[in-house]
Amino acid sequence: MTATFQLFCHAIEGADKITEFIGGVDFDAIITAEQARCYKPGIPIFKLALDRIRVDPSEVLHIGQSVYHDVVPAKSLGMATIWVNRPSARPGIGAVKAAAAAPDWEISDLATLAAAAVPG
């Protein structure tokens, strides 16, 4: 049995910048802060993503590097979450704002996720 996934990206930059940066990845949707008229952790950006990909939140696995910006809002909508807990040389700076929430899974980098997602 093969699983299929819809792939979308929340972004601050425009869609053209994302595809240029990532290159070769075919996203089903790219949702920008400008389109949603809010930044994460604002719920409208998550709801816009759900509307665009037309799935129930229970069918979504949200992967992000911030408990505050990613895990808390995604869990509040019923999404499963993976927290990419990258070490930070500057504690308290950027996406490491303190928040209390428990992700469903925690990984240290995206290579770990990719290895787990690809069988064999």
PDB file of N, CA and C in Angstrom:
ATOM      1  N   MET A   1       0.850  -1.182   0.000  1.00  0.00           N
ATOM      2  CA  MET A   1       0.000   0.000   0.000  1.00  0.00           C
ATOM      3  C   MET A   1       0.891   1.239   0.000  1.00  0.00           C
ATOM      4  N   THR A   2       0.605   2.165  -0.871  1.00  0.00           N
ATOM      5  CA  THR A   2       1.370   3.391  -0.969  1.00  0.00           C
ATOM      6  C   THR A   2       0.537   4.551  -0.448  1.00  0.00           C
ATOM      7  N   ALA A   3       1.130   5.342   0.416  1.00  0.00           N
ATOM      8  CA  ALA A   3       0.443   6.522   0.942  1.00  0.00           C
ATOM      9  C   ALA A   3       0.663   7.692  -0.015  1.00  0.00           C
ATOM     10  N   THR A   4      -0.337   8.520  -0.129  1.00  0.00           N
ATOM     11  CA  THR A   4      -0.192   9.741  -0.913  1.00  0.00           C
ATOM     12  C   THR A   4      -0.413  10.926   0.013  1.00  0.00           C
ATOM     13  N   PHE A   5       0.252  12.004  -0.290  1.00  0.00           N
ATOM     14  CA  PHE A   5       0.197  13.180   0.557  1.00  0.00           C
ATOM     15  C   PHE A   5      -0.015  14.416  -0.282  1.00  0.00           C
ATOM     16  N   GLN A   6      -0.676  15.392   0.315  1.00  0.00           N
ATOM     17  CA  GLN A   6      -0.699  16.726  -0.255  1.00  0.00           C
ATOM     18  C   GLN A   6       0.380  17.509   0.467  1.00  0.00           C
ATOM     19  N   LEU A   7       1.130  18.283  -0.256  1.00  0.00           N
ATOM     20  CA  LEU A   7       2.234  19.029   0.316  1.00  0.00           C
ATOM     21  C   LEU A   7       1.947  20.517   0.168  1.00  0.00           C
ATOM     22  N   PHE A   8       1.976  21.206   1.298  1.00  0.00           N
ATOM     23  CA  PHE A   8       1.810  22.651   1.219  1.00  0.00           C
ATOM     24  C   PHE A   8       2.785  23.323   2.159  1.00  0.00           C
ATOM     25  N   CYS A   9       2.968  24.599   1.955  1.00  0.00           N
ATOM     26  CA  CYS A   9       3.969  25.347   2.689  1.00  0.00           C
ATOM     27  C   CYS A   9       3.363  26.645   3.196  1.00  0.00           C
ATOM     28  N   HIS A  10       3.587  26.956   4.479  1.00  0.00           N
ATOM     29  CA  HIS A  10       3.271  28.276   5.019  1.00  0.00           C
ATOM     30  C   HIS A  10       4.521  29.120   4.811  1.00  0.00           C
ATOM     31  N   ALA A  11       4.365  30.320   4.315  1.00  0.00           N
ATOM     32  CA  ALA A  11       5.543  31.125   4.020  1.00  0.00           C
ATOM     33  C   ALA A  11       5.295  32.596   4.285  1.00  0.00           C
ATOM     34  N   ILE A  12       6.344  33.290   4.655  1.00  0.00           N
ATOM     35  CA  ILE A  12       6.273  34.745   4.776  1.00  0.00           C
ATOM     36  C   ILE A  12       6.477  35.351   3.404  1.00  0.00           C
ATOM     37  N   GLU A  13       7.436  34.817   2.655  1.00  0.00           N
ATOM     38  CA  GLU A  13       7.741  35.299   1.306  1.00  0.00           C
ATOM     39  C   GLU A  13       6.671  34.865   0.320  1.00  0.00           C
ATOM     40  N   GLY A  14       6.703  35.439  -0.867  1.00  0.00           N
ATOM     41  CA  GLY A  14       5.780  35.067  -1.927  1.00  0.00           C
ATOM     42  C   GLY A  14       6.064  33.681  -2.468  1.00  0.00           C
ATOM     43  N   ALA A  15       5.076  33.105  -3.123  1.00  0.00           N
ATOM     44  CA  ALA A  15       5.179  31.748  -3.664  1.00  0.00           C
ATOM     45  C   ALA A  15       6.363  31.617  -4.613  1.00  0.00           C
ATOM     46  N   ASP A  16       6.647  32.640  -5.410  1.00  0.00           N
ATOM     47  CA  ASP A  16       7.764  32.571  -6.345  1.00  0.00           C
ATOM     48  C   ASP A  16       9.095  32.423  -5.617  1.00  0.00           C
ATOM     49  N   LYS A  17       9.233  33.072  -4.476  1.00  0.00           N
ATOM     50  CA  LYS A  17      10.473  32.965  -3.690  1.00  0.00           C
ATOM     51  C   LYS A  17      10.633  31.557  -3.117  1.00  0.00           C
ATOM     52  N   ILE A  18       9.525  30.947  -2.692  1.00  0.00           N
ATOM     53  CA  ILE A  18       9.584  29.600  -2.116  1.00  0.00           C
ATOM     54  C   ILE A  18      10.009  28.589  -3.171  1.00  0.00           C
ATOM     55  N   THR A  19       9.372  28.607  -4.331  1.00  0.00           N
ATOM     56  CA  THR A  19       9.718  27.631  -5.368  1.00  0.00           C
ATOM     57  C   THR A  19      11.142  27.856  -5.867  1.00  0.00           C
ATOM     58  N   GLU A  20      11.589  29.107  -5.909  1.00  0.00           N
ATOM     59  CA  GLU A  20      12.964  29.403  -6.306  1.00  0.00           C
ATOM     60  C   GLU A  20      13.946  28.863  -5.271  1.00  0.00           C
ATOM     61  N   PHE A  21      13.633  29.036  -3.993  1.00  0.00           N
ATOM     62  CA  PHE A  21      14.513  28.600  -2.905  1.00  0.00           C
ATOM     63  C   PHE A  21      14.575  27.080  -2.802  1.00  0.00           C
ATOM     64  N   ILE A  22      13.421  26.425  -2.846  1.00  0.00           N
ATOM     65  CA  ILE A  22      13.378  24.982  -2.658  1.00  0.00           C
ATOM     66  C   ILE A  22      13.673  24.261  -3.966  1.00  0.00           C
ATOM     67  N   GLY A  23      13.124  24.747  -5.051  1.00  0.00           N
ATOM     68  CA  GLY A  23      13.407  24.192  -6.365  1.00  0.00           C
ATOM     69  C   GLY A  23      13.100  22.711  -6.520  1.00  0.00           C
ATOM     70  N   GLY A  24      12.323  22.355  -7.519  1.00  0.00           N
ATOM     71  CA  GLY A  24      12.046  20.969  -7.825  1.00  0.00           C
ATOM     72  C   GLY A  24      10.988  20.309  -6.967  1.00  0.00           C
ATOM     73  N   VAL A  25      10.451  21.006  -5.982  1.00  0.00           N
ATOM     74  CA  VAL A  25       9.402  20.448  -5.133  1.00  0.00           C
ATOM     75  C   VAL A  25       8.062  20.945  -5.661  1.00  0.00           C
ATOM     76  N   ASP A  26       7.171  20.021  -5.923  1.00  0.00           N
ATOM     77  CA  ASP A  26       5.864  20.363  -6.467  1.00  0.00           C
ATOM     78  C   ASP A  26       4.848  20.456  -5.334  1.00  0.00           C
ATOM     79  N   PHE A  27       4.629  21.663  -4.840  1.00  0.00           N
ATOM     80  CA  PHE A  27       3.677  21.877  -3.756  1.00  0.00           C
ATOM     81  C   PHE A  27       2.254  21.904  -4.297  1.00  0.00           C
ATOM     82  N   ASP A  28       1.319  21.337  -3.532  1.00  0.00           N
ATOM     83  CA  ASP A  28      -0.092  21.444  -3.876  1.00  0.00           C
ATOM     84  C   ASP A  28      -0.594  22.853  -3.596  1.00  0.00           C
ATOM     85  N   ALA A  29      -0.019  23.498  -2.604  1.00  0.00           N
ATOM     86  CA  ALA A  29      -0.391  24.875  -2.273  1.00  0.00           C
ATOM     87  C   ALA A  29       0.739  25.527  -1.506  1.00  0.00           C
ATOM     88  N   ILE A  30       0.909  26.818  -1.726  1.00  0.00           N
ATOM     89  CA  ILE A  30       1.806  27.632  -0.918  1.00  0.00           C
ATOM     90  C   ILE A  30       0.953  28.755  -0.355  1.00  0.00           C
ATOM     91  N   ILE A  31       0.910  28.835   0.958  1.00  0.00           N
ATOM     92  CA  ILE A  31       0.077  29.825   1.638  1.00  0.00           C
ATOM     93  C   ILE A  31       1.012  30.850   2.249  1.00  0.00           C
ATOM     94  N   THR A  32       0.879  32.105   1.831  1.00  0.00           N
ATOM     95  CA  THR A  32       1.751  33.152   2.356  1.00  0.00           C
ATOM     96  C   THR A  32       1.036  33.947   3.443  1.00  0.00           C
ATOM     97  N   ALA A  33       1.840  34.575   4.282  1.00  0.00           N
ATOM     98  CA  ALA A  33       1.294  35.444   5.328  1.00  0.00           C
ATOM     99  C   ALA A  33       0.492  36.575   4.688  1.00  0.00           C
ATOM    100  N   GLU A  34       0.942  37.059   3.543  1.00  0.00           N
ATOM    101  CA  GLU A  34       0.220  38.129   2.847  1.00  0.00           C
ATOM    102  C   GLU A  34      -1.182  37.658   2.430  1.00  0.00           C
ATOM    103  N   GLN A  35      -1.280  36.438   1.903  1.00  0.00           N
ATOM    104  CA  GLN A  35      -2.591  35.914   1.500  1.00  0.00           C
ATOM    105  C   GLN A  35      -3.516  35.752   2.698  1.00  0.00           C
ATOM    106  N   ALA A  36      -2.974  35.268   3.803  1.00  0.00           N
ATOM    107  CA  ALA A  36      -3.785  35.017   4.998  1.00  0.00           C
ATOM    108  C   ALA A  36      -4.002  36.278   5.827  1.00  0.00           C
ATOM    109  N   ARG A  37      -3.229  37.304   5.525  1.00  0.00           N
ATOM    110  CA  ARG A  37      -3.272  38.568   6.269  1.00  0.00           C
ATOM    111  C   ARG A  37      -2.941  38.395   7.745  1.00  0.00           C
ATOM    112  N   CYS A  38      -2.036  37.448   7.996  1.00  0.00           N
ATOM    113  CA  CYS A  38      -1.534  37.256   9.357  1.00  0.00           C
ATOM    114  C   CYS A  38      -0.279  36.397   9.299  1.00  0.00           C
ATOM    115  N   TYR A  39       0.468  36.468  10.367  1.00  0.00           N
ATOM    116  CA  TYR A  39       1.631  35.616  10.529  1.00  0.00           C
ATOM    117  C   TYR A  39       1.296  34.503  11.499  1.00  0.00           C
ATOM    118  N   LYS A  40       2.066  33.404  11.457  1.00  0.00           N
ATOM    119  CA  LYS A  40       1.920  32.378  12.479  1.00  0.00           C
ATOM    120  C   LYS A  40       2.338  33.015  13.795  1.00  0.00           C
ATOM    121  N   PRO A  41       1.687  32.757  14.864  1.00  0.00           N
ATOM    122  CA  PRO A  41       0.778  31.659  15.144  1.00  0.00           C
ATOM    123  C   PRO A  41      -0.698  31.959  14.868  1.00  0.00           C
ATOM    124  N   GLY A  42      -0.982  32.978  14.071  1.00  0.00           N
ATOM    125  CA  GLY A  42      -2.377  33.323  13.774  1.00  0.00           C
ATOM    126  C   GLY A  42      -3.126  32.167  13.131  1.00  0.00           C
ATOM    127  N   ILE A  43      -4.293  31.893  13.630  1.00  0.00           N
ATOM    128  CA  ILE A  43      -5.123  30.790  13.136  1.00  0.00           C
ATOM    129  C   ILE A  43      -5.546  30.976  11.671  1.00  0.00           C
ATOM    130  N   PRO A  44      -5.781  32.216  11.182  1.00  0.00           N
ATOM    131  CA  PRO A  44      -6.212  32.346   9.779  1.00  0.00           C
ATOM    132  C   PRO A  44      -5.264  31.720   8.765  1.00  0.00           C
ATOM    133  N   ILE A  45      -3.964  31.728   9.004  1.00  0.00           N
ATOM    134  CA  ILE A  45      -3.044  31.135   8.029  1.00  0.00           C
ATOM    135  C   ILE A  45      -3.206  29.610   7.984  1.00  0.00           C
ATOM    136  N   PHE A  46      -3.502  29.016   9.123  1.00  0.00           N
ATOM    137  CA  PHE A  46      -3.738  27.565   9.178  1.00  0.00           C
ATOM    138  C   PHE A  46      -5.081  27.223   8.523  1.00  0.00           C
ATOM    139  N   LYS A  47      -6.103  28.035   8.784  1.00  0.00           N
ATOM    140  CA  LYS A  47      -7.426  27.780   8.179  1.00  0.00           C
ATOM    141  C   LYS A  47      -7.397  27.969   6.668  1.00  0.00           C
ATOM    142  N   LEU A  48      -6.634  28.940   6.201  1.00  0.00           N
ATOM    143  CA  LEU A  48      -6.503  29.132   4.758  1.00  0.00           C
ATOM    144  C   LEU A  48      -5.857  27.901   4.117  1.00  0.00           C
ATOM    145  N   ALA A  49      -4.858  27.351   4.777  1.00  0.00           N
ATOM    146  CA  ALA A  49      -4.220  26.130   4.269  1.00  0.00           C
ATOM    147  C   ALA A  49      -5.224  24.984   4.190  1.00  0.00           C
ATOM    148  N   LEU A  50      -6.011  24.815   5.231  1.00  0.00           N
ATOM    149  CA  LEU A  50      -7.024  23.751   5.236  1.00  0.00           C
ATOM    150  C   LEU A  50      -8.038  23.954   4.112  1.00  0.00           C
ATOM    151  N   ASP A  51      -8.454  25.201   3.907  1.00  0.00           N
ATOM    152  CA  ASP A  51      -9.396  25.492   2.822  1.00  0.00           C
ATOM    153  C   ASP A  51      -8.786  25.173   1.462  1.00  0.00           C
ATOM    154  N   ARG A  52      -7.518  25.517   1.268  1.00  0.00           N
ATOM    155  CA  ARG A  52      -6.866  25.310  -0.021  1.00  0.00           C
ATOM    156  C   ARG A  52      -6.676  23.836  -0.347  1.00  0.00           C
ATOM    157  N   ILE A  53      -6.299  23.041   0.651  1.00  0.00           N
ATOM    158  CA  ILE A  53      -6.044  21.635   0.351  1.00  0.00           C
ATOM    159  C   ILE A  53      -7.260  20.755   0.592  1.00  0.00           C
ATOM    160  N   ARG A  54      -8.313  21.345   1.148  1.00  0.00           N
ATOM    161  CA  ARG A  54      -9.608  20.679   1.315  1.00  0.00           C
ATOM    162  C   ARG A  54      -9.517  19.350   2.071  1.00  0.00           C
ATOM    163  N   VAL A  55      -8.920  19.417   3.245  1.00  0.00           N
ATOM    164  CA  VAL A  55      -8.872  18.236   4.112  1.00  0.00           C
ATOM    165  C   VAL A  55      -9.277  18.626   5.524  1.00  0.00           C
ATOM    166  N   ASP A  56      -9.680  17.623   6.282  1.00  0.00           N
ATOM    167  CA  ASP A  56     -10.001  17.817   7.686  1.00  0.00           C
ATOM    168  C   ASP A  56      -8.697  17.966   8.465  1.00  0.00           C
ATOM    169  N   PRO A  57      -8.671  18.802   9.502  1.00  0.00           N
ATOM    170  CA  PRO A  57      -7.446  18.954  10.285  1.00  0.00           C
ATOM    171  C   PRO A  57      -6.884  17.627  10.809  1.00  0.00           C
ATOM    172  N   SER A  58      -7.739  16.659  11.062  1.00  0.00           N
ATOM    173  CA  SER A  58      -7.272  15.359  11.565  1.00  0.00           C
ATOM    174  C   SER A  58      -6.442  14.601  10.532  1.00  0.00           C
ATOM    175  N   GLU A  59      -6.468  15.053   9.278  1.00  0.00           N
ATOM    176  CA  GLU A  59      -5.705  14.413   8.207  1.00  0.00           C
ATOM    177  C   GLU A  59      -4.381  15.118   7.923  1.00  0.00           C
ATOM    178  N   VAL A  60      -4.061  16.139   8.727  1.00  0.00           N
ATOM    179  CA  VAL A  60      -2.881  16.959   8.475  1.00  0.00           C
ATOM    180  C   VAL A  60      -1.784  16.646   9.490  1.00  0.00           C
ATOM    181  N   LEU A  61      -0.563  16.557   8.996  1.00  0.00           N
ATOM    182  CA  LEU A  61       0.619  16.482   9.836  1.00  0.00           C
ATOM    183  C   LEU A  61       1.387  17.775   9.615  1.00  0.00           C
ATOM    184  N   HIS A  62       1.361  18.653  10.614  1.00  0.00           N
ATOM    185  CA  HIS A  62       2.050  19.945  10.514  1.00  0.00           C
ATOM    186  C   HIS A  62       3.447  19.806  11.098  1.00  0.00           C
ATOM    187  N   ILE A  63       4.437  20.208  10.320  1.00  0.00           N
ATOM    188  CA  ILE A  63       5.832  20.116  10.737  1.00  0.00           C
ATOM    189  C   ILE A  63       6.377  21.527  10.854  1.00  0.00           C
ATOM    190  N   GLY A  64       6.937  21.852  12.014  1.00  0.00           N
ATOM    191  CA  GLY A  64       7.466  23.196  12.210  1.00  0.00           C
ATOM    192  C   GLY A  64       8.565  23.225  13.247  1.00  0.00           C
ATOM    193  N   GLN A  65       9.282  24.339  13.277  1.00  0.00           N
ATOM    194  CA  GLN A  65      10.420  24.450  14.178  1.00  0.00           C
ATOM    195  C   GLN A  65      10.116  25.228  15.448  1.00  0.00           C
ATOM    196  N   SER A  66       8.879  25.649  15.629  1.00  0.00           N
ATOM    197  CA  SER A  66       8.532  26.435  16.806  1.00  0.00           C
ATOM    198  C   SER A  66       7.306  25.859  17.502  1.00  0.00           C
ATOM    199  N   VAL A  67       7.437  25.575  18.781  1.00  0.00           N
ATOM    200  CA  VAL A  67       6.266  25.139  19.545  1.00  0.00           C
ATOM    201  C   VAL A  67       5.238  26.258  19.549  1.00  0.00           C
ATOM    202  N   TYR A  68       5.688  27.480  19.787  1.00  0.00           N
ATOM    203  CA  TYR A  68       4.790  28.633  19.871  1.00  0.00           C
ATOM    204  C   TYR A  68       4.087  28.931  18.536  1.00  0.00           C
ATOM    205  N   HIS A  69       4.866  28.989  17.449  1.00  0.00           N
ATOM    206  CA  HIS A  69       4.325  29.385  16.142  1.00  0.00           C
ATOM    207  C   HIS A  69       3.676  28.254  15.357  1.00  0.00           C
ATOM    208  N   ASP A  70       4.039  27.012  15.649  1.00  0.00           N
ATOM    209  CA  ASP A  70       3.586  25.880  14.852  1.00  0.00           C
ATOM    210  C   ASP A  70       2.748  24.871  15.637  1.00  0.00           C
ATOM    211  N   VAL A  71       3.304  24.346  16.711  1.00  0.00           N
ATOM    212  CA  VAL A  71       2.635  23.269  17.446  1.00  0.00           C
ATOM    213  C   VAL A  71       1.354  23.743  18.113  1.00  0.00           C
ATOM    214  N   VAL A  72       1.414  24.858  18.837  1.00  0.00           N
ATOM    215  CA  VAL A  72       0.231  25.341  19.567  1.00  0.00           C
ATOM    216  C   VAL A  72      -0.960  25.590  18.634  1.00  0.00           C
ATOM    217  N   PRO A  73      -0.804  26.386  17.564  1.00  0.00           N
ATOM    218  CA  PRO A  73      -1.976  26.624  16.706  1.00  0.00           C
ATOM    219  C   PRO A  73      -2.436  25.385  15.945  1.00  0.00           C
ATOM    220  N   ALA A  74      -1.503  24.573  15.464  1.00  0.00           N
ATOM    221  CA  ALA A  74      -1.896  23.365  14.724  1.00  0.00           C
ATOM    222  C   ALA A  74      -2.672  22.405  15.625  1.00  0.00           C
ATOM    223  N   LYS A  75      -2.178  22.190  16.837  1.00  0.00           N
ATOM    224  CA  LYS A  75      -2.878  21.300  17.782  1.00  0.00           C
ATOM    225  C   LYS A  75      -4.255  21.859  18.139  1.00  0.00           C
ATOM    226  N   SER A  76      -4.376  23.179  18.248  1.00  0.00           N
ATOM    227  CA  SER A  76      -5.671  23.772  18.609  1.00  0.00           C
ATOM    228  C   SER A  76      -6.732  23.503  17.551  1.00  0.00           C
ATOM    229  N   LEU A  77      -6.299  23.248  16.319  1.00  0.00           N
ATOM    230  CA  LEU A  77      -7.225  22.931  15.227  1.00  0.00           C
ATOM    231  C   LEU A  77      -7.398  21.432  15.016  1.00  0.00           C
ATOM    232  N   GLY A  78      -6.669  20.621  15.780  1.00  0.00           N
ATOM    233  CA  GLY A  78      -6.813  19.173  15.663  1.00  0.00           C
ATOM    234  C   GLY A  78      -5.825  18.498  14.734  1.00  0.00           C
ATOM    235  N   MET A  79      -4.743  19.196  14.377  1.00  0.00           N
ATOM    236  CA  MET A  79      -3.720  18.608  13.516  1.00  0.00           C
ATOM    237  C   MET A  79      -2.698  17.847  14.349  1.00  0.00           C
ATOM    238  N   ALA A  80      -2.123  16.792  13.776  1.00  0.00           N
ATOM    239  CA  ALA A  80      -0.965  16.142  14.374  1.00  0.00           C
ATOM    240  C   ALA A  80       0.249  17.031  14.089  1.00  0.00           C
ATOM    241  N   THR A  81       1.251  16.964  14.960  1.00  0.00           N
ATOM    242  CA  THR A  81       2.399  17.855  14.798  1.00  0.00           C
ATOM    243  C   THR A  81       3.722  17.135  14.990  1.00  0.00           C
ATOM    244  N   ILE A  82       4.711  17.639  14.265  1.00  0.00           N
ATOM    245  CA  ILE A  82       6.102  17.263  14.486  1.00  0.00           C
ATOM    246  C   ILE A  82       6.858  18.556  14.766  1.00  0.00           C
ATOM    247  N   TRP A  83       7.577  18.569  15.873  1.00  0.00           N
ATOM    248  CA  TRP A  83       8.412  19.712  16.217  1.00  0.00           C
ATOM    249  C   TRP A  83       9.847  19.402  15.812  1.00  0.00           C
ATOM    250  N   VAL A  84      10.405  20.218  14.921  1.00  0.00           N
ATOM    251  CA  VAL A  84      11.805  20.102  14.534  1.00  0.00           C
ATOM    252  C   VAL A  84      12.583  20.931  15.553  1.00  0.00           C
ATOM    253  N   ASN A  85      13.102  20.250  16.554  1.00  0.00           N
ATOM    254  CA  ASN A  85      13.768  20.890  17.679  1.00  0.00           C
ATOM    255  C   ASN A  85      15.253  21.041  17.376  1.00  0.00           C
ATOM    256  N   ARG A  86      15.555  22.029  16.553  1.00  0.00           N
ATOM    257  CA  ARG A  86      16.947  22.287  16.181  1.00  0.00           C
ATOM    258  C   ARG A  86      17.656  23.009  17.321  1.00  0.00           C
ATOM    259  N   PRO A  87      18.903  22.655  17.575  1.00  0.00           N
ATOM    260  CA  PRO A  87      19.651  23.383  18.594  1.00  0.00           C
ATOM    261  C   PRO A  87      19.813  24.850  18.193  1.00  0.00           C
ATOM    262  N   SER A  88      19.745  25.727  19.163  1.00  0.00           N
ATOM    263  CA  SER A  88      19.896  27.150  18.897  1.00  0.00           C
ATOM    264  C   SER A  88      21.101  27.688  19.653  1.00  0.00           C
ATOM    265  N   ALA A  89      21.958  28.384  18.937  1.00  0.00           N
ATOM    266  CA  ALA A  89      23.114  29.006  19.570  1.00  0.00           C
ATOM    267  C   ALA A  89      22.695  30.231  20.380  1.00  0.00           C
ATOM    268  N   ARG A  90      21.493  30.722  20.127  1.00  0.00           N
ATOM    269  CA  ARG A  90      21.000  31.928  20.792  1.00  0.00           C
ATOM    270  C   ARG A  90      19.644  31.644  21.438  1.00  0.00           C
ATOM    271  N   PRO A  91      19.626  31.004  22.599  1.00  0.00           N
ATOM    272  CA  PRO A  91      18.353  30.680  23.259  1.00  0.00           C
ATOM    273  C   PRO A  91      17.485  31.928  23.440  1.00  0.00           C
ATOM    274  N   GLY A  92      16.193  31.749  23.186  1.00  0.00           N
ATOM    275  CA  GLY A  92      15.248  32.845  23.348  1.00  0.00           C
ATOM    276  C   GLY A  92      15.123  33.746  22.143  1.00  0.00           C
ATOM    277  N   ILE A  93      15.853  33.454  21.074  1.00  0.00           N
ATOM    278  CA  ILE A  93      15.829  34.290  19.877  1.00  0.00           C
ATOM    279  C   ILE A  93      15.043  33.580  18.773  1.00  0.00           C
ATOM    280  N   GLY A  94      14.266  34.345  18.031  1.00  0.00           N
ATOM    281  CA  GLY A  94      13.573  33.808  16.861  1.00  0.00           C
ATOM    282  C   GLY A  94      12.469  32.824  17.199  1.00  0.00           C
ATOM    283  N   ALA A  95      12.503  31.666  16.551  1.00  0.00           N
ATOM    284  CA  ALA A  95      11.408  30.701  16.642  1.00  0.00           C
ATOM    285  C   ALA A  95      11.433  29.876  17.918  1.00  0.00           C
ATOM    286  N   VAL A  96      12.229  30.251  18.902  1.00  0.00           N
ATOM    287  CA  VAL A  96      12.300  29.479  20.140  1.00  0.00           C
ATOM    288  C   VAL A  96      11.527  30.145  21.279  1.00  0.00           C
ATOM    289  N   LYS A  97      10.568  30.992  20.953  1.00  0.00           N
ATOM    290  CA  LYS A  97       9.746  31.640  21.972  1.00  0.00           C
ATOM    291  C   LYS A  97       9.074  30.573  22.845  1.00  0.00           C
ATOM    292  N   ALA A  98       9.127  30.771  24.145  1.00  0.00           N
ATOM    293  CA  ALA A  98       8.604  29.782  25.089  1.00  0.00           C
ATOM    294  C   ALA A  98       7.101  29.568  24.906  1.00  0.00           C
ATOM    295  N   ALA A  99       6.702  28.302  24.969  1.00  0.00           N
ATOM    296  CA  ALA A  99       5.282  27.940  24.879  1.00  0.00           C
ATOM    297  C   ALA A  99       5.110  26.563  25.499  1.00  0.00           C
ATOM    298  N   ALA A 100       3.923  26.329  25.995  1.00  0.00           N
ATOM    299  CA  ALA A 100       3.634  25.028  26.605  1.00  0.00           C
ATOM    300  C   ALA A 100       2.679  24.248  25.709  1.00  0.00           C
ATOM    301  N   ALA A 101       3.206  23.250  25.041  1.00  0.00           N
ATOM    302  CA  ALA A 101       2.399  22.350  24.220  1.00  0.00           C
ATOM    303  C   ALA A 101       3.239  21.117  23.951  1.00  0.00           C
ATOM    304  N   ALA A 102       2.582  20.016  23.755  1.00  0.00           N
ATOM    305  CA  ALA A 102       3.297  18.766  23.492  1.00  0.00           C
ATOM    306  C   ALA A 102       3.081  18.344  22.040  1.00  0.00           C
ATOM    307  N   PRO A 103       4.142  18.374  21.229  1.00  0.00           N
ATOM    308  CA  PRO A 103       3.997  17.872  19.866  1.00  0.00           C
ATOM    309  C   PRO A 103       3.787  16.360  19.886  1.00  0.00           C
ATOM    310  N   ASP A 104       3.236  15.836  18.807  1.00  0.00           N
ATOM    311  CA  ASP A 104       3.049  14.390  18.715  1.00  0.00           C
ATOM    312  C   ASP A 104       4.389  13.673  18.564  1.00  0.00           C
ATOM    313  N   TRP A 105       5.310  14.311  17.842  1.00  0.00           N
ATOM    314  CA  TRP A 105       6.651  13.767  17.658  1.00  0.00           C
ATOM    315  C   TRP A 105       7.637  14.913  17.719  1.00  0.00           C
ATOM    316  N   GLU A 106       8.869  14.598  18.085  1.00  0.00           N
ATOM    317  CA  GLU A 106       9.946  15.582  18.129  1.00  0.00           C
ATOM    318  C   GLU A 106      11.154  14.992  17.415  1.00  0.00           C
ATOM    319  N   ILE A 107      11.734  15.776  16.506  1.00  0.00           N
ATOM    320  CA  ILE A 107      12.929  15.353  15.777  1.00  0.00           C
ATOM    321  C   ILE A 107      13.952  16.477  15.847  1.00  0.00           C
ATOM    322  N   SER A 108      15.205  16.162  15.560  1.00  0.00           N
ATOM    323  CA  SER A 108      16.244  17.182  15.658  1.00  0.00           C
ATOM    324  C   SER A 108      16.556  17.865  14.330  1.00  0.00           C
ATOM    325  N   ASP A 109      16.151  17.259  13.220  1.00  0.00           N
ATOM    326  CA  ASP A 109      16.406  17.865  11.916  1.00  0.00           C
ATOM    327  C   ASP A 109      15.517  17.211  10.859  1.00  0.00           C
ATOM    328  N   LEU A 110      15.439  17.844   9.704  1.00  0.00           N
ATOM    329  CA  LEU A 110      14.580  17.328   8.635  1.00  0.00           C
ATOM    330  C   LEU A 110      15.144  16.071   7.986  1.00  0.00           C
ATOM    331  N   ALA A 111      16.455  15.859   8.074  1.00  0.00           N
ATOM    332  CA  ALA A 111      17.036  14.619   7.531  1.00  0.00           C
ATOM    333  C   ALA A 111      16.478  13.413   8.276  1.00  0.00           C
ATOM    334  N   THR A 112      16.263  13.551   9.580  1.00  0.00           N
ATOM    335  CA  THR A 112      15.671  12.467  10.366  1.00  0.00           C
ATOM    336  C   THR A 112      14.264  12.169   9.872  1.00  0.00           C
ATOM    337  N   LEU A 113      13.504  13.201   9.594  1.00  0.00           N
ATOM    338  CA  LEU A 113      12.145  13.024   9.075  1.00  0.00           C
ATOM    339  C   LEU A 113      12.165  12.355   7.710  1.00  0.00           C
ATOM    340  N   ALA A 114      13.046  12.823   6.836  1.00  0.00           N
ATOM    341  CA  ALA A 114      13.130  12.237   5.494  1.00  0.00           C
ATOM    342  C   ALA A 114      13.505  10.768   5.559  1.00  0.00           C
ATOM    343  N   ALA A 115      14.429  10.407   6.429  1.00  0.00           N
ATOM    344  CA  ALA A 115      14.836   9.006   6.575  1.00  0.00           C
ATOM    345  C   ALA A 115      13.687   8.148   7.080  1.00  0.00           C
ATOM    346  N   ALA A 116      12.880   8.694   7.986  1.00  0.00           N
ATOM    347  CA  ALA A 116      11.743   7.947   8.516  1.00  0.00           C
ATOM    348  C   ALA A 116      10.620   7.814   7.494  1.00  0.00           C
ATOM    349  N   ALA A 117      10.504   8.770   6.591  1.00  0.00           N
ATOM    350  CA  ALA A 117       9.408   8.785   5.628  1.00  0.00           C
ATOM    351  C   ALA A 117       9.666   7.879   4.421  1.00  0.00           C
ATOM    352  N   VAL A 118      10.905   7.592   4.149  1.00  0.00           N
ATOM    353  CA  VAL A 118      11.259   6.786   2.981  1.00  0.00           C
ATOM    354  C   VAL A 118      11.591   5.370   3.443  1.00  0.00           C
ATOM    355  N   PRO A 119      10.762   4.393   3.056  1.00  0.00           N
ATOM    356  CA  PRO A 119      11.026   3.015   3.479  1.00  0.00           C
ATOM    357  C   PRO A 119      12.324   2.456   2.905  1.00  0.00           C
ATOM    358  N   GLY A 120      12.951   1.575   3.723  1.00  0.00           N
ATOM    359  CA  GLY A 120      14.117   0.822   3.285  1.00  0.00           C
ATOM    360  C   GLY A 120      15.314   1.657   3.174  1.00  0.00           C
TER     361      GLY A 120
END
